[in-house]
Protein backbone atom coordinates (compact mmCIF):
# COMPACT_ATOMS: atom_id res chain seq x y z
CA MET A 1 17.90 -6.22 -2.76
CA ALA A 2 18.21 -2.50 -3.39
CA PHE A 3 14.99 -0.60 -3.85
CA GLY A 4 14.48 2.70 -5.60
CA HIS A 5 11.66 4.92 -6.69
CA GLY A 6 9.51 4.80 -9.79
CA ALA A 7 8.04 1.98 -11.84
CA ASP A 8 11.36 1.07 -13.43
CA ALA A 9 13.36 1.17 -10.19
CA PRO A 10 14.55 -2.08 -8.60
CA HIS A 11 11.78 -3.69 -6.63
CA LEU A 12 10.30 -7.03 -5.68
CA PRO A 13 8.10 -7.73 -8.73
CA ARG A 14 5.33 -9.48 -6.78
CA PRO A 15 3.31 -8.98 -3.63
CA ALA A 16 4.57 -10.53 -0.38
CA LEU A 17 3.44 -10.83 3.19
CA ILE A 18 5.28 -8.55 5.61
CA ASP A 19 7.04 -10.88 8.07
CA ALA A 20 8.27 -8.23 10.51
CA TYR A 21 8.53 -4.47 10.98
CA GLY A 22 10.44 -2.16 13.30
CA ASP A 23 14.04 -0.99 13.72
CA GLY A 24 13.44 1.41 10.83
CA GLY A 25 12.43 -1.19 8.27
CA PHE A 26 10.63 -4.35 7.21
CA ARG A 27 11.28 -8.01 6.49
CA PHE A 28 9.46 -9.76 3.67
CA ALA A 29 10.14 -12.46 1.07
CA GLY A 30 13.34 -13.48 2.84
CA MET A 31 14.76 -9.94 2.61
CA SER A 32 15.28 -6.94 4.84
CA HIS A 33 14.60 -3.36 3.79
CA ARG A 34 15.43 -0.21 5.74
CA GLY A 35 12.93 2.58 5.23
CA SER A 36 9.30 2.82 4.19
CA LEU A 37 7.50 0.66 1.61
CA LEU A 38 4.84 0.89 -1.06
CA CYS A 39 3.14 -2.47 -1.56
CA PHE A 40 0.91 -3.31 -4.53
CA PRO A 41 -0.32 -6.42 -6.36
CA ASP A 42 2.44 -5.85 -8.94
CA GLY A 43 5.29 -5.50 -6.46
CA ILE A 44 6.92 -3.78 -3.51
CA TRP A 45 8.98 -0.59 -3.82
CA ALA A 46 10.93 1.65 -1.47
CA TRP A 47 8.95 4.74 -0.45
CA ALA A 48 10.81 7.94 0.41
CA VAL A 49 8.21 8.98 3.04
CA LYS A 50 9.60 9.06 6.58
CA ASP A 51 6.82 10.91 8.43
CA VAL A 52 3.12 11.74 8.03
CA SER A 53 4.09 15.36 7.31
CA GLU A 54 5.33 14.08 3.92
CA LEU A 55 2.00 12.47 2.98
CA THR A 56 0.93 14.59 0.05
CA ALA A 57 -0.89 13.79 -3.18
CA ASP A 58 2.53 13.25 -4.78
CA ALA A 59 3.40 10.66 -2.14
CA PHE A 60 0.30 8.70 -3.18
CA SER A 61 0.77 9.06 -6.95
CA ALA A 62 1.61 5.36 -7.39
CA ALA A 63 -1.58 4.38 -5.55
CA PHE A 64 -3.65 6.82 -7.59
CA ALA A 65 -2.15 5.41 -10.81
CA ARG A 66 -3.16 1.88 -9.73
CA ALA A 67 -6.63 2.79 -8.42
CA GLN A 68 -8.42 0.66 -11.04
CA SER A 69 -6.49 -2.44 -9.93
CA LEU A 70 -7.03 -1.91 -6.19
CA ASP A 71 -9.99 -2.27 -3.87
CA PHE A 72 -8.22 -1.02 -0.72
CA PHE A 73 -5.27 1.18 0.11
CA LEU A 74 -3.88 1.15 3.63
CA ILE A 75 -1.68 3.83 5.12
CA GLY A 76 0.69 2.78 7.87
CA ALA A 77 1.30 6.19 9.41
CA GLY A 78 4.13 5.33 11.77
CA PRO A 79 3.85 4.59 15.49
CA GLU A 80 0.60 6.48 16.07
CA PRO A 81 -2.83 6.54 14.38
CA TRP A 82 -3.26 9.45 11.96
CA ALA A 83 -6.28 11.05 10.30
CA LEU A 84 -6.02 11.38 6.54
CA PRO A 85 -6.69 15.03 5.57
CA GLU A 86 -10.01 15.54 3.83
CA HIS A 87 -8.47 16.74 0.52
CA LEU A 88 -6.54 13.46 0.24
CA ARG A 89 -9.51 11.37 1.34
CA GLN A 90 -11.55 13.13 -1.37
CA ARG A 91 -8.96 12.18 -4.04
CA PHE A 92 -9.20 8.51 -3.05
CA ARG A 93 -13.03 8.81 -3.14
CA GLU A 94 -12.90 10.31 -6.65
CA LEU A 95 -10.95 7.23 -7.74
CA SER A 96 -13.41 4.84 -5.99
CA LEU A 97 -10.54 3.54 -3.88
CA SER A 98 -11.24 2.72 -0.23
CA VAL A 99 -8.53 4.11 2.04
CA ASP A 100 -7.80 3.66 5.72
CA ALA A 101 -5.01 5.22 7.77
CA MET A 102 -3.74 3.61 10.96
CA ALA A 103 -0.52 2.97 12.86
CA THR A 104 2.02 0.99 10.84
CA GLY A 105 1.67 -2.15 12.98
CA ALA A 106 -2.08 -2.29 12.43
CA ALA A 107 -1.61 -1.57 8.71
CA VAL A 108 0.90 -4.42 8.35
CA ARG A 109 -1.46 -6.86 10.06
CA THR A 110 -4.44 -5.70 7.95
CA TYR A 111 -2.39 -5.79 4.74
CA ASN A 112 -1.28 -9.37 5.46
CA ILE A 113 -4.84 -10.51 6.14
CA LEU A 114 -6.21 -8.89 2.97
CA LEU A 115 -3.31 -10.21 0.88
CA ALA A 116 -3.82 -13.73 2.26
CA GLU A 117 -7.49 -13.42 1.23
CA ASN A 118 -6.33 -12.59 -2.33
CA ARG A 119 -7.83 -9.11 -2.07
CA ARG A 120 -6.63 -6.31 -4.33
CA VAL A 121 -4.82 -4.34 -1.63
CA GLY A 122 -2.10 -1.72 -1.64
CA ALA A 123 -0.28 -0.15 1.29
CA GLY A 124 2.00 2.73 2.03
CA LEU A 125 3.92 1.74 5.15
CA ILE A 126 6.03 4.27 7.05
CA ALA A 127 8.92 2.56 8.82
CA VAL A 128 8.98 2.73 12.62
CA THR A 129 11.87 2.37 15.03
């Protein structure tokens, strides 16, 4: 399945557990995807972010737009843990959306647990090699 950007772009129109990650992509719902992902209760989309240096307010616009339908947003920051800059953390706080940044592997595991618990979780997952 080809993924694109934006609400009308091709995407998986439902949430799914992430079965595997690495080699620059992810496996989920019987599919493979190369590159990063944005995961929400209403679907999974490709995410153009390749590195934490690209994590700006614009990169999180889809999460901000869904803040009322989410309880948690996880950031899979690549191979290493990463501290979310205070100005971005403040934006999540203003929207009453809990956010946590961690290495992508930890974020995938946490996302899967929260999704399996039927929690309202979103995730921005940077692909790792």
